[in-house]
Amino acid sequence: MAYITVEDFYNDAVSCRRLTRDEEKEYAGMMKNGDDNARRQLIRSYMPMVMSYVIKASHINGRLGLAMHCMDTLEKAVDHFDFLQDSESFSHHLSWHLRNAVAKYRVEQHMEKRQVSE
């Protein structure tokens, strides 16, 4: 998914609907069988959560870059999480990855600023 502005990202994320646990399991099963639309639905259902992390870190320059970095994190998390297990929830799993993604992005931005000023 490509966005021109961070507002485009926000508008798209606001329109996404959260899936129920049963729907997640259904889409996960379809995704395991190679259904890209099911994967897209899982990703889209968590875009509002990604948006909330981007908003919380809005003091960071390059919010669109942060949004794209967090979307990459979401896609990787969807690809590697076993939605069919019943122990850990995906939102808990994703929140851990998003916190790390924001921290990593912050460090990268700081390092880029340092290199420019030197």
PDB file of N, CA and C in Angstrom:
ATOM      1  N   MET A   1       0.828  -1.171   0.000  1.00  0.00           N
ATOM      2  CA  MET A   1       0.000   0.000   0.000  1.00  0.00           C
ATOM      3  C   MET A   1       0.877   1.241   0.000  1.00  0.00           C
ATOM      4  N   ALA A   2       0.660   2.123  -0.942  1.00  0.00           N
ATOM      5  CA  ALA A   2       1.450   3.342  -1.042  1.00  0.00           C
ATOM      6  C   ALA A   2       0.560   4.546  -0.744  1.00  0.00           C
ATOM      7  N   TYR A   3       1.106   5.478  -0.001  1.00  0.00           N
ATOM      8  CA  TYR A   3       0.378   6.684   0.361  1.00  0.00           C
ATOM      9  C   TYR A   3       1.228   7.888  -0.002  1.00  0.00           C
ATOM     10  N   ILE A   4       0.566   8.956  -0.444  1.00  0.00           N
ATOM     11  CA  ILE A   4       1.259  10.191  -0.799  1.00  0.00           C
ATOM     12  C   ILE A   4       1.507  11.040   0.448  1.00  0.00           C
ATOM     13  N   THR A   5       0.492  11.121   1.306  1.00  0.00           N
ATOM     14  CA  THR A   5       0.612  11.908   2.539  1.00  0.00           C
ATOM     15  C   THR A   5       0.181  11.054   3.726  1.00  0.00           C
ATOM     16  N   VAL A   6       0.555  11.510   4.902  1.00  0.00           N
ATOM     17  CA  VAL A   6       0.156  10.799   6.115  1.00  0.00           C
ATOM     18  C   VAL A   6      -1.358  10.892   6.305  1.00  0.00           C
ATOM     19  N   GLU A   7      -1.977  11.958   5.797  1.00  0.00           N
ATOM     20  CA  GLU A   7      -3.437  12.093   5.875  1.00  0.00           C
ATOM     21  C   GLU A   7      -4.117  11.008   5.043  1.00  0.00           C
ATOM     22  N   ASP A   8      -3.532  10.663   3.892  1.00  0.00           N
ATOM     23  CA  ASP A   8      -4.070   9.556   3.081  1.00  0.00           C
ATOM     24  C   ASP A   8      -4.056   8.262   3.881  1.00  0.00           C
ATOM     25  N   PHE A   9      -2.963   8.045   4.583  1.00  0.00           N
ATOM     26  CA  PHE A   9      -2.848   6.856   5.429  1.00  0.00           C
ATOM     27  C   PHE A   9      -3.912   6.868   6.520  1.00  0.00           C
ATOM     28  N   TYR A  10      -4.063   8.002   7.212  1.00  0.00           N
ATOM     29  CA  TYR A  10      -5.056   8.113   8.282  1.00  0.00           C
ATOM     30  C   TYR A  10      -6.460   7.860   7.757  1.00  0.00           C
ATOM     31  N   ASN A  11      -6.803   8.479   6.616  1.00  0.00           N
ATOM     32  CA  ASN A  11      -8.140   8.306   6.040  1.00  0.00           C
ATOM     33  C   ASN A  11      -8.414   6.851   5.691  1.00  0.00           C
ATOM     34  N   ASP A  12      -7.407   6.163   5.178  1.00  0.00           N
ATOM     35  CA  ASP A  12      -7.577   4.752   4.844  1.00  0.00           C
ATOM     36  C   ASP A  12      -7.720   3.909   6.108  1.00  0.00           C
ATOM     37  N   ALA A  13      -6.899   4.203   7.111  1.00  0.00           N
ATOM     38  CA  ALA A  13      -6.923   3.426   8.360  1.00  0.00           C
ATOM     39  C   ALA A  13      -8.239   3.595   9.099  1.00  0.00           C
ATOM     40  N   VAL A  14      -8.803   4.787   9.077  1.00  0.00           N
ATOM     41  CA  VAL A  14     -10.063   5.049   9.780  1.00  0.00           C
ATOM     42  C   VAL A  14     -11.202   4.235   9.181  1.00  0.00           C
ATOM     43  N   SER A  15     -11.113   3.962   7.899  1.00  0.00           N
ATOM     44  CA  SER A  15     -12.200   3.239   7.224  1.00  0.00           C
ATOM     45  C   SER A  15     -12.121   1.722   7.418  1.00  0.00           C
ATOM     46  N   CYS A  16     -11.093   1.240   8.093  1.00  0.00           N
ATOM     47  CA  CYS A  16     -10.906  -0.209   8.264  1.00  0.00           C
ATOM     48  C   CYS A  16     -11.722  -0.730   9.442  1.00  0.00           C
ATOM     49  N   ARG A  17     -12.235  -1.940   9.273  1.00  0.00           N
ATOM     50  CA  ARG A  17     -13.043  -2.587  10.309  1.00  0.00           C
ATOM     51  C   ARG A  17     -12.222  -3.679  10.989  1.00  0.00           C
ATOM     52  N   ARG A  18     -12.326  -3.733  12.305  1.00  0.00           N
ATOM     53  CA  ARG A  18     -11.625  -4.757  13.077  1.00  0.00           C
ATOM     54  C   ARG A  18     -12.352  -6.094  12.916  1.00  0.00           C
ATOM     55  N   LEU A  19     -11.618  -7.143  12.699  1.00  0.00           N
ATOM     56  CA  LEU A  19     -12.193  -8.484  12.549  1.00  0.00           C
ATOM     57  C   LEU A  19     -12.434  -9.114  13.913  1.00  0.00           C
ATOM     58  N   THR A  20     -13.417  -9.994  13.975  1.00  0.00           N
ATOM     59  CA  THR A  20     -13.629 -10.775  15.189  1.00  0.00           C
ATOM     60  C   THR A  20     -12.579 -11.883  15.240  1.00  0.00           C
ATOM     61  N   ARG A  21     -12.449 -12.521  16.370  1.00  0.00           N
ATOM     62  CA  ARG A  21     -11.469 -13.613  16.509  1.00  0.00           C
ATOM     63  C   ARG A  21     -11.801 -14.748  15.538  1.00  0.00           C
ATOM     64  N   ASP A  22     -13.081 -15.064  15.388  1.00  0.00           N
ATOM     65  CA  ASP A  22     -13.479 -16.123  14.449  1.00  0.00           C
ATOM     66  C   ASP A  22     -13.148 -15.740  13.014  1.00  0.00           C
ATOM     67  N   GLU A  23     -13.368 -14.473  12.668  1.00  0.00           N
ATOM     68  CA  GLU A  23     -13.024 -14.016  11.319  1.00  0.00           C
ATOM     69  C   GLU A  23     -11.522 -14.076  11.090  1.00  0.00           C
ATOM     70  N   GLU A  24     -10.754 -13.700  12.113  1.00  0.00           N
ATOM     71  CA  GLU A  24      -9.295 -13.782  12.001  1.00  0.00           C
ATOM     72  C   GLU A  24      -8.865 -15.214  11.712  1.00  0.00           C
ATOM     73  N   LYS A  25      -9.423 -16.158  12.435  1.00  0.00           N
ATOM     74  CA  LYS A  25      -9.071 -17.567  12.227  1.00  0.00           C
ATOM     75  C   LYS A  25      -9.461 -18.022  10.823  1.00  0.00           C
ATOM     76  N   GLU A  26     -10.631 -17.592  10.376  1.00  0.00           N
ATOM     77  CA  GLU A  26     -11.085 -17.960   9.033  1.00  0.00           C
ATOM     78  C   GLU A  26     -10.141 -17.398   7.970  1.00  0.00           C
ATOM     79  N   TYR A  27      -9.808 -16.106   8.086  1.00  0.00           N
ATOM     80  CA  TYR A  27      -8.895 -15.493   7.117  1.00  0.00           C
ATOM     81  C   TYR A  27      -7.495 -16.096   7.210  1.00  0.00           C
ATOM     82  N   ALA A  28      -7.058 -16.442   8.424  1.00  0.00           N
ATOM     83  CA  ALA A  28      -5.738 -17.050   8.587  1.00  0.00           C
ATOM     84  C   ALA A  28      -5.665 -18.392   7.873  1.00  0.00           C
ATOM     85  N   GLY A  29      -6.731 -19.171   7.992  1.00  0.00           N
ATOM     86  CA  GLY A  29      -6.770 -20.449   7.273  1.00  0.00           C
ATOM     87  C   GLY A  29      -6.723 -20.244   5.776  1.00  0.00           C
ATOM     88  N   MET A  30      -7.447 -19.258   5.291  1.00  0.00           N
ATOM     89  CA  MET A  30      -7.437 -18.953   3.859  1.00  0.00           C
ATOM     90  C   MET A  30      -6.055 -18.451   3.427  1.00  0.00           C
ATOM     91  N   MET A  31      -5.420 -17.640   4.290  1.00  0.00           N
ATOM     92  CA  MET A  31      -4.092 -17.107   3.987  1.00  0.00           C
ATOM     93  C   MET A  31      -3.068 -18.241   3.887  1.00  0.00           C
ATOM     94  N   LYS A  32      -3.184 -19.229   4.779  1.00  0.00           N
ATOM     95  CA  LYS A  32      -2.269 -20.381   4.731  1.00  0.00           C
ATOM     96  C   LYS A  32      -2.371 -21.139   3.419  1.00  0.00           C
ATOM     97  N   ASN A  33      -3.557 -21.057   2.797  1.00  0.00           N
ATOM     98  CA  ASN A  33      -3.757 -21.715   1.511  1.00  0.00           C
ATOM     99  C   ASN A  33      -3.414 -20.801   0.338  1.00  0.00           C
ATOM    100  N   GLY A  34      -2.751 -19.677   0.629  1.00  0.00           N
ATOM    101  CA  GLY A  34      -2.270 -18.803  -0.437  1.00  0.00           C
ATOM    102  C   GLY A  34      -3.212 -17.694  -0.869  1.00  0.00           C
ATOM    103  N   ASP A  35      -4.255 -17.416  -0.115  1.00  0.00           N
ATOM    104  CA  ASP A  35      -5.215 -16.373  -0.481  1.00  0.00           C
ATOM    105  C   ASP A  35      -4.677 -14.997  -0.079  1.00  0.00           C
ATOM    106  N   ASP A  36      -4.241 -14.203  -1.072  1.00  0.00           N
ATOM    107  CA  ASP A  36      -3.699 -12.871  -0.799  1.00  0.00           C
ATOM    108  C   ASP A  36      -4.764 -11.898  -0.312  1.00  0.00           C
ATOM    109  N   ASN A  37      -6.010 -12.079  -0.738  1.00  0.00           N
ATOM    110  CA  ASN A  37      -7.084 -11.201  -0.259  1.00  0.00           C
ATOM    111  C   ASN A  37      -7.319 -11.388   1.239  1.00  0.00           C
ATOM    112  N   ALA A  38      -7.212 -12.604   1.713  1.00  0.00           N
ATOM    113  CA  ALA A  38      -7.367 -12.874   3.146  1.00  0.00           C
ATOM    114  C   ALA A  38      -6.237 -12.200   3.930  1.00  0.00           C
ATOM    115  N   ARG A  39      -5.019 -12.274   3.402  1.00  0.00           N
ATOM    116  CA  ARG A  39      -3.880 -11.614   4.039  1.00  0.00           C
ATOM    117  C   ARG A  39      -4.112 -10.112   4.095  1.00  0.00           C
ATOM    118  N   ARG A  40      -4.576  -9.538   3.003  1.00  0.00           N
ATOM    119  CA  ARG A  40      -4.861  -8.101   2.948  1.00  0.00           C
ATOM    120  C   ARG A  40      -5.925  -7.706   3.973  1.00  0.00           C
ATOM    121  N   GLN A  41      -6.943  -8.545   4.129  1.00  0.00           N
ATOM    122  CA  GLN A  41      -7.999  -8.253   5.110  1.00  0.00           C
ATOM    123  C   GLN A  41      -7.449  -8.261   6.534  1.00  0.00           C
ATOM    124  N   LEU A  42      -6.585  -9.216   6.828  1.00  0.00           N
ATOM    125  CA  LEU A  42      -5.962  -9.255   8.160  1.00  0.00           C
ATOM    126  C   LEU A  42      -5.133  -8.000   8.393  1.00  0.00           C
ATOM    127  N   ILE A  43      -4.369  -7.605   7.399  1.00  0.00           N
ATOM    128  CA  ILE A  43      -3.534  -6.408   7.519  1.00  0.00           C
ATOM    129  C   ILE A  43      -4.408  -5.167   7.709  1.00  0.00           C
ATOM    130  N   ARG A  44      -5.413  -5.021   6.874  1.00  0.00           N
ATOM    131  CA  ARG A  44      -6.284  -3.839   6.951  1.00  0.00           C
ATOM    132  C   ARG A  44      -7.005  -3.741   8.293  1.00  0.00           C
ATOM    133  N   SER A  45      -7.350  -4.871   8.875  1.00  0.00           N
ATOM    134  CA  SER A  45      -8.085  -4.824  10.141  1.00  0.00           C
ATOM    135  C   SER A  45      -7.240  -4.267  11.285  1.00  0.00           C
ATOM    136  N   TYR A  46      -5.924  -4.280  11.147  1.00  0.00           N
ATOM    137  CA  TYR A  46      -5.045  -3.758  12.193  1.00  0.00           C
ATOM    138  C   TYR A  46      -4.433  -2.397  11.845  1.00  0.00           C
ATOM    139  N   MET A  47      -4.835  -1.823  10.714  1.00  0.00           N
ATOM    140  CA  MET A  47      -4.324  -0.495  10.358  1.00  0.00           C
ATOM    141  C   MET A  47      -4.691   0.584  11.383  1.00  0.00           C
ATOM    142  N   PRO A  48      -5.893   0.560  11.979  1.00  0.00           N
ATOM    143  CA  PRO A  48      -6.173   1.572  13.016  1.00  0.00           C
ATOM    144  C   PRO A  48      -5.207   1.486  14.204  1.00  0.00           C
ATOM    145  N   MET A  49      -4.788   0.293  14.545  1.00  0.00           N
ATOM    146  CA  MET A  49      -3.821   0.133  15.635  1.00  0.00           C
ATOM    147  C   MET A  49      -2.478   0.743  15.238  1.00  0.00           C
ATOM    148  N   VAL A  50      -2.067   0.507  14.003  1.00  0.00           N
ATOM    149  CA  VAL A  50      -0.829   1.112  13.500  1.00  0.00           C
ATOM    150  C   VAL A  50      -0.958   2.636  13.541  1.00  0.00           C
ATOM    151  N   MET A  51      -2.094   3.135  13.092  1.00  0.00           N
ATOM    152  CA  MET A  51      -2.328   4.579  13.078  1.00  0.00           C
ATOM    153  C   MET A  51      -2.193   5.159  14.484  1.00  0.00           C
ATOM    154  N   SER A  52      -2.703   4.457  15.493  1.00  0.00           N
ATOM    155  CA  SER A  52      -2.615   4.978  16.862  1.00  0.00           C
ATOM    156  C   SER A  52      -1.163   5.089  17.315  1.00  0.00           C
ATOM    157  N   TYR A  53      -0.318   4.152  16.917  1.00  0.00           N
ATOM    158  CA  TYR A  53       1.103   4.234  17.275  1.00  0.00           C
ATOM    159  C   TYR A  53       1.783   5.393  16.548  1.00  0.00           C
ATOM    160  N   VAL A  54       1.406   5.634  15.310  1.00  0.00           N
ATOM    161  CA  VAL A  54       1.980   6.748  14.551  1.00  0.00           C
ATOM    162  C   VAL A  54       1.548   8.071  15.175  1.00  0.00           C
ATOM    163  N   ILE A  55       0.293   8.173  15.581  1.00  0.00           N
ATOM    164  CA  ILE A  55      -0.203   9.404  16.211  1.00  0.00           C
ATOM    165  C   ILE A  55       0.511   9.649  17.539  1.00  0.00           C
ATOM    166  N   LYS A  56       0.689   8.590  18.332  1.00  0.00           N
ATOM    167  CA  LYS A  56       1.376   8.738  19.623  1.00  0.00           C
ATOM    168  C   LYS A  56       2.802   9.243  19.432  1.00  0.00           C
ATOM    169  N   ALA A  57       3.416   8.865  18.337  1.00  0.00           N
ATOM    170  CA  ALA A  57       4.796   9.272  18.051  1.00  0.00           C
ATOM    171  C   ALA A  57       4.825  10.436  17.072  1.00  0.00           C
ATOM    172  N   SER A  58       3.780  11.261  17.081  1.00  0.00           N
ATOM    173  CA  SER A  58       3.661  12.325  16.078  1.00  0.00           C
ATOM    174  C   SER A  58       4.725  13.400  16.203  1.00  0.00           C
ATOM    175  N   HIS A  59       5.433  13.428  17.314  1.00  0.00           N
ATOM    176  CA  HIS A  59       6.513  14.400  17.469  1.00  0.00           C
ATOM    177  C   HIS A  59       7.732  14.037  16.614  1.00  0.00           C
ATOM    178  N   ILE A  60       7.733  12.827  16.079  1.00  0.00           N
ATOM    179  CA  ILE A  60       8.845  12.388  15.236  1.00  0.00           C
ATOM    180  C   ILE A  60       8.684  13.001  13.849  1.00  0.00           C
ATOM    181  N   ASN A  61       9.764  13.544  13.319  1.00  0.00           N
ATOM    182  CA  ASN A  61       9.725  14.053  11.947  1.00  0.00           C
ATOM    183  C   ASN A  61       9.564  12.886  10.988  1.00  0.00           C
ATOM    184  N   GLY A  62       8.920  13.145   9.876  1.00  0.00           N
ATOM    185  CA  GLY A  62       8.745  12.084   8.887  1.00  0.00           C
ATOM    186  C   GLY A  62       7.673  11.099   9.279  1.00  0.00           C
ATOM    187  N   ARG A  63       6.494  11.606   9.653  1.00  0.00           N
ATOM    188  CA  ARG A  63       5.413  10.720  10.089  1.00  0.00           C
ATOM    189  C   ARG A  63       5.018   9.731   9.005  1.00  0.00           C
ATOM    190  N   LEU A  64       5.052  10.152   7.735  1.00  0.00           N
ATOM    191  CA  LEU A  64       4.701   9.219   6.669  1.00  0.00           C
ATOM    192  C   LEU A  64       5.720   8.082   6.612  1.00  0.00           C
ATOM    193  N   GLY A  65       6.974   8.410   6.791  1.00  0.00           N
ATOM    194  CA  GLY A  65       8.010   7.376   6.843  1.00  0.00           C
ATOM    195  C   GLY A  65       7.786   6.424   8.001  1.00  0.00           C
ATOM    196  N   LEU A  66       7.415   6.962   9.149  1.00  0.00           N
ATOM    197  CA  LEU A  66       7.109   6.133  10.314  1.00  0.00           C
ATOM    198  C   LEU A  66       5.903   5.253  10.031  1.00  0.00           C
ATOM    199  N   ALA A  67       4.875   5.818   9.401  1.00  0.00           N
ATOM    200  CA  ALA A  67       3.679   5.040   9.076  1.00  0.00           C
ATOM    201  C   ALA A  67       4.035   3.877   8.162  1.00  0.00           C
ATOM    202  N   MET A  68       4.861   4.116   7.173  1.00  0.00           N
ATOM    203  CA  MET A  68       5.251   3.049   6.239  1.00  0.00           C
ATOM    204  C   MET A  68       6.124   2.000   6.943  1.00  0.00           C
ATOM    205  N   HIS A  69       6.984   2.471   7.839  1.00  0.00           N
ATOM    206  CA  HIS A  69       7.824   1.550   8.617  1.00  0.00           C
ATOM    207  C   HIS A  69       6.943   0.652   9.494  1.00  0.00           C
ATOM    208  N   CYS A  70       5.925   1.247  10.110  1.00  0.00           N
ATOM    209  CA  CYS A  70       5.009   0.475  10.955  1.00  0.00           C
ATOM    210  C   CYS A  70       4.136  -0.460  10.119  1.00  0.00           C
ATOM    211  N   MET A  71       3.757  -0.036   8.917  1.00  0.00           N
ATOM    212  CA  MET A  71       2.979  -0.924   8.038  1.00  0.00           C
ATOM    213  C   MET A  71       3.813  -2.132   7.618  1.00  0.00           C
ATOM    214  N   ASP A  72       5.100  -1.916   7.349  1.00  0.00           N
ATOM    215  CA  ASP A  72       5.988  -3.048   7.045  1.00  0.00           C
ATOM    216  C   ASP A  72       6.041  -4.004   8.226  1.00  0.00           C
ATOM    217  N   THR A  73       6.104  -3.440   9.425  1.00  0.00           N
ATOM    218  CA  THR A  73       6.116  -4.244  10.646  1.00  0.00           C
ATOM    219  C   THR A  73       4.830  -5.052  10.765  1.00  0.00           C
ATOM    220  N   LEU A  74       3.694  -4.419  10.480  1.00  0.00           N
ATOM    221  CA  LEU A  74       2.398  -5.107  10.521  1.00  0.00           C
ATOM    222  C   LEU A  74       2.369  -6.257   9.526  1.00  0.00           C
ATOM    223  N   GLU A  75       2.826  -6.013   8.304  1.00  0.00           N
ATOM    224  CA  GLU A  75       2.814  -7.069   7.288  1.00  0.00           C
ATOM    225  C   GLU A  75       3.678  -8.255   7.702  1.00  0.00           C
ATOM    226  N   LYS A  76       4.859  -7.974   8.234  1.00  0.00           N
ATOM    227  CA  LYS A  76       5.738  -9.062   8.689  1.00  0.00           C
ATOM    228  C   LYS A  76       5.105  -9.830   9.854  1.00  0.00           C
ATOM    229  N   ALA A  77       4.462  -9.093  10.762  1.00  0.00           N
ATOM    230  CA  ALA A  77       3.823  -9.735  11.916  1.00  0.00           C
ATOM    231  C   ALA A  77       2.675 -10.636  11.469  1.00  0.00           C
ATOM    232  N   VAL A  78       1.879 -10.176  10.510  1.00  0.00           N
ATOM    233  CA  VAL A  78       0.778 -10.999   9.976  1.00  0.00           C
ATOM    234  C   VAL A  78       1.335 -12.259   9.328  1.00  0.00           C
ATOM    235  N   ASP A  79       2.428 -12.114   8.596  1.00  0.00           N
ATOM    236  CA  ASP A  79       3.007 -13.262   7.896  1.00  0.00           C
ATOM    237  C   ASP A  79       3.595 -14.306   8.838  1.00  0.00           C
ATOM    238  N   HIS A  80       4.051 -13.883  10.020  1.00  0.00           N
ATOM    239  CA  HIS A  80       4.738 -14.813  10.916  1.00  0.00           C
ATOM    240  C   HIS A  80       3.921 -15.272  12.113  1.00  0.00           C
ATOM    241  N   PHE A  81       2.754 -14.690  12.324  1.00  0.00           N
ATOM    242  CA  PHE A  81       1.952 -15.038  13.500  1.00  0.00           C
ATOM    243  C   PHE A  81       1.030 -16.213  13.185  1.00  0.00           C
ATOM    244  N   ASP A  82       0.879 -17.095  14.157  1.00  0.00           N
ATOM    245  CA  ASP A  82      -0.039 -18.227  14.002  1.00  0.00           C
ATOM    246  C   ASP A  82      -1.395 -17.848  14.607  1.00  0.00           C
ATOM    247  N   PHE A  83      -2.290 -17.366  13.758  1.00  0.00           N
ATOM    248  CA  PHE A  83      -3.612 -16.935  14.206  1.00  0.00           C
ATOM    249  C   PHE A  83      -4.461 -18.103  14.696  1.00  0.00           C
ATOM    250  N   LEU A  84      -4.085 -19.316  14.341  1.00  0.00           N
ATOM    251  CA  LEU A  84      -4.904 -20.477  14.687  1.00  0.00           C
ATOM    252  C   LEU A  84      -4.626 -21.008  16.094  1.00  0.00           C
ATOM    253  N   GLN A  85      -3.563 -20.515  16.734  1.00  0.00           N
ATOM    254  CA  GLN A  85      -3.290 -20.923  18.113  1.00  0.00           C
ATOM    255  C   GLN A  85      -4.150 -20.085  19.044  1.00  0.00           C
ATOM    256  N   ASP A  86      -4.327 -20.532  20.253  1.00  0.00           N
ATOM    257  CA  ASP A  86      -5.234 -19.856  21.183  1.00  0.00           C
ATOM    258  C   ASP A  86      -4.548 -19.201  22.374  1.00  0.00           C
ATOM    259  N   SER A  87      -3.242 -19.078  22.359  1.00  0.00           N
ATOM    260  CA  SER A  87      -2.595 -18.517  23.545  1.00  0.00           C
ATOM    261  C   SER A  87      -2.487 -16.994  23.458  1.00  0.00           C
ATOM    262  N   GLU A  88      -1.561 -16.481  22.710  1.00  0.00           N
ATOM    263  CA  GLU A  88      -1.320 -15.042  22.640  1.00  0.00           C
ATOM    264  C   GLU A  88      -2.220 -14.387  21.587  1.00  0.00           C
ATOM    265  N   SER A  89      -2.756 -13.216  21.906  1.00  0.00           N
ATOM    266  CA  SER A  89      -3.564 -12.509  20.913  1.00  0.00           C
ATOM    267  C   SER A  89      -2.645 -11.784  19.935  1.00  0.00           C
ATOM    268  N   PHE A  90      -3.120 -11.601  18.725  1.00  0.00           N
ATOM    269  CA  PHE A  90      -2.306 -10.916  17.730  1.00  0.00           C
ATOM    270  C   PHE A  90      -2.087  -9.458  18.111  1.00  0.00           C
ATOM    271  N   SER A  91      -3.068  -8.805  18.699  1.00  0.00           N
ATOM    272  CA  SER A  91      -2.892  -7.397  19.071  1.00  0.00           C
ATOM    273  C   SER A  91      -1.775  -7.242  20.099  1.00  0.00           C
ATOM    274  N   HIS A  92      -1.658  -8.186  21.023  1.00  0.00           N
ATOM    275  CA  HIS A  92      -0.554  -8.157  21.984  1.00  0.00           C
ATOM    276  C   HIS A  92       0.778  -8.349  21.257  1.00  0.00           C
ATOM    277  N   HIS A  93       0.821  -9.306  20.376  1.00  0.00           N
ATOM    278  CA  HIS A  93       2.021  -9.594  19.583  1.00  0.00           C
ATOM    279  C   HIS A  93       2.409  -8.371  18.749  1.00  0.00           C
ATOM    280  N   LEU A  94       1.427  -7.784  18.081  1.00  0.00           N
ATOM    281  CA  LEU A  94       1.684  -6.637  17.217  1.00  0.00           C
ATOM    282  C   LEU A  94       2.131  -5.422  18.018  1.00  0.00           C
ATOM    283  N   SER A  95       1.540  -5.187  19.170  1.00  0.00           N
ATOM    284  CA  SER A  95       1.916  -4.010  19.967  1.00  0.00           C
ATOM    285  C   SER A  95       3.390  -4.055  20.342  1.00  0.00           C
ATOM    286  N   TRP A  96       3.890  -5.235  20.664  1.00  0.00           N
ATOM    287  CA  TRP A  96       5.314  -5.392  20.985  1.00  0.00           C
ATOM    288  C   TRP A  96       6.165  -5.013  19.777  1.00  0.00           C
ATOM    289  N   HIS A  97       5.787  -5.508  18.606  1.00  0.00           N
ATOM    290  CA  HIS A  97       6.545  -5.206  17.388  1.00  0.00           C
ATOM    291  C   HIS A  97       6.452  -3.725  17.013  1.00  0.00           C
ATOM    292  N   LEU A  98       5.290  -3.112  17.201  1.00  0.00           N
ATOM    293  CA  LEU A  98       5.144  -1.694  16.857  1.00  0.00           C
ATOM    294  C   LEU A  98       5.950  -0.799  17.795  1.00  0.00           C
ATOM    295  N   ARG A  99       5.970  -1.116  19.070  1.00  0.00           N
ATOM    296  CA  ARG A  99       6.805  -0.327  19.999  1.00  0.00           C
ATOM    297  C   ARG A  99       8.265  -0.383  19.578  1.00  0.00           C
ATOM    298  N   ASN A 100       8.723  -1.566  19.198  1.00  0.00           N
ATOM    299  CA  ASN A 100      10.107  -1.703  18.740  1.00  0.00           C
ATOM    300  C   ASN A 100      10.340  -0.973  17.424  1.00  0.00           C
ATOM    301  N   ALA A 101       9.368  -1.008  16.522  1.00  0.00           N
ATOM    302  CA  ALA A 101       9.503  -0.324  15.232  1.00  0.00           C
ATOM    303  C   ALA A 101       9.604   1.187  15.429  1.00  0.00           C
ATOM    304  N   VAL A 102       8.787   1.740  16.324  1.00  0.00           N
ATOM    305  CA  VAL A 102       8.840   3.180  16.594  1.00  0.00           C
ATOM    306  C   VAL A 102      10.190   3.543  17.204  1.00  0.00           C
ATOM    307  N   ALA A 103      10.663   2.754  18.156  1.00  0.00           N
ATOM    308  CA  ALA A 103      11.959   3.025  18.782  1.00  0.00           C
ATOM    309  C   ALA A 103      13.079   2.953  17.748  1.00  0.00           C
ATOM    310  N   LYS A 104      13.037   1.954  16.891  1.00  0.00           N
ATOM    311  CA  LYS A 104      14.068   1.808  15.851  1.00  0.00           C
ATOM    312  C   LYS A 104      14.025   2.994  14.899  1.00  0.00           C
ATOM    313  N   TYR A 105      12.836   3.407  14.510  1.00  0.00           N
ATOM    314  CA  TYR A 105      12.697   4.544  13.602  1.00  0.00           C
ATOM    315  C   TYR A 105      13.242   5.815  14.251  1.00  0.00           C
ATOM    316  N   ARG A 106      12.970   5.996  15.541  1.00  0.00           N
ATOM    317  CA  ARG A 106      13.492   7.155  16.278  1.00  0.00           C
ATOM    318  C   ARG A 106      15.016   7.188  16.242  1.00  0.00           C
ATOM    319  N   VAL A 107      15.622   6.043  16.492  1.00  0.00           N
ATOM    320  CA  VAL A 107      17.082   5.956  16.490  1.00  0.00           C
ATOM    321  C   VAL A 107      17.621   6.266  15.098  1.00  0.00           C
ATOM    322  N   GLU A 108      16.993   5.711  14.067  1.00  0.00           N
ATOM    323  CA  GLU A 108      17.444   5.965  12.696  1.00  0.00           C
ATOM    324  C   GLU A 108      17.343   7.450  12.355  1.00  0.00           C
ATOM    325  N   GLN A 109      16.246   8.101  12.761  1.00  0.00           N
ATOM    326  CA  GLN A 109      16.077   9.535  12.504  1.00  0.00           C
ATOM    327  C   GLN A 109      17.151  10.336  13.240  1.00  0.00           C
ATOM    328  N   HIS A 110      17.441   9.964  14.471  1.00  0.00           N
ATOM    329  CA  HIS A 110      18.467  10.652  15.255  1.00  0.00           C
ATOM    330  C   HIS A 110      19.836  10.508  14.597  1.00  0.00           C
ATOM    331  N   MET A 111      20.134   9.301  14.134  1.00  0.00           N
ATOM    332  CA  MET A 111      21.434   9.055  13.488  1.00  0.00           C
ATOM    333  C   MET A 111      21.550   9.848  12.178  1.00  0.00           C
ATOM    334  N   GLU A 112      20.463   9.930  11.428  1.00  0.00           N
ATOM    335  CA  GLU A 112      20.483  10.707  10.184  1.00  0.00           C
ATOM    336  C   GLU A 112      20.715  12.184  10.469  1.00  0.00           C
ATOM    337  N   LYS A 113      20.073  12.716  11.501  1.00  0.00           N
ATOM    338  CA  LYS A 113      20.279  14.121  11.891  1.00  0.00           C
ATOM    339  C   LYS A 113      21.727  14.367  12.275  1.00  0.00           C
ATOM    340  N   ARG A 114      22.267  13.435  13.012  1.00  0.00           N
ATOM    341  CA  ARG A 114      23.660  13.572  13.459  1.00  0.00           C
ATOM    342  C   ARG A 114      24.611  13.592  12.280  1.00  0.00           C
ATOM    343  N   GLN A 115      24.373  12.722  11.306  1.00  0.00           N
ATOM    344  CA  GLN A 115      25.256  12.656  10.144  1.00  0.00           C
ATOM    345  C   GLN A 115      25.173  13.928   9.316  1.00  0.00           C
ATOM    346  N   VAL A 116      23.979  14.500   9.205  1.00  0.00           N
ATOM    347  CA  VAL A 116      23.802  15.728   8.437  1.00  0.00           C
ATOM    348  C   VAL A 116      24.492  16.898   9.105  1.00  0.00           C
ATOM    349  N   SER A 117      24.427  16.951  10.430  1.00  0.00           N
ATOM    350  CA  SER A 117      25.014  18.084  11.143  1.00  0.00           C
ATOM    351  C   SER A 117      26.539  17.994  11.245  1.00  0.00           C
ATOM    352  N   GLU A 118      27.100  16.842  11.004  1.00  0.00           N
ATOM    353  CA  GLU A 118      28.567  16.706  11.122  1.00  0.00           C
ATOM    354  C   GLU A 118      29.284  17.142   9.883  1.00  0.00           C
TER     355      GLU A 118
END
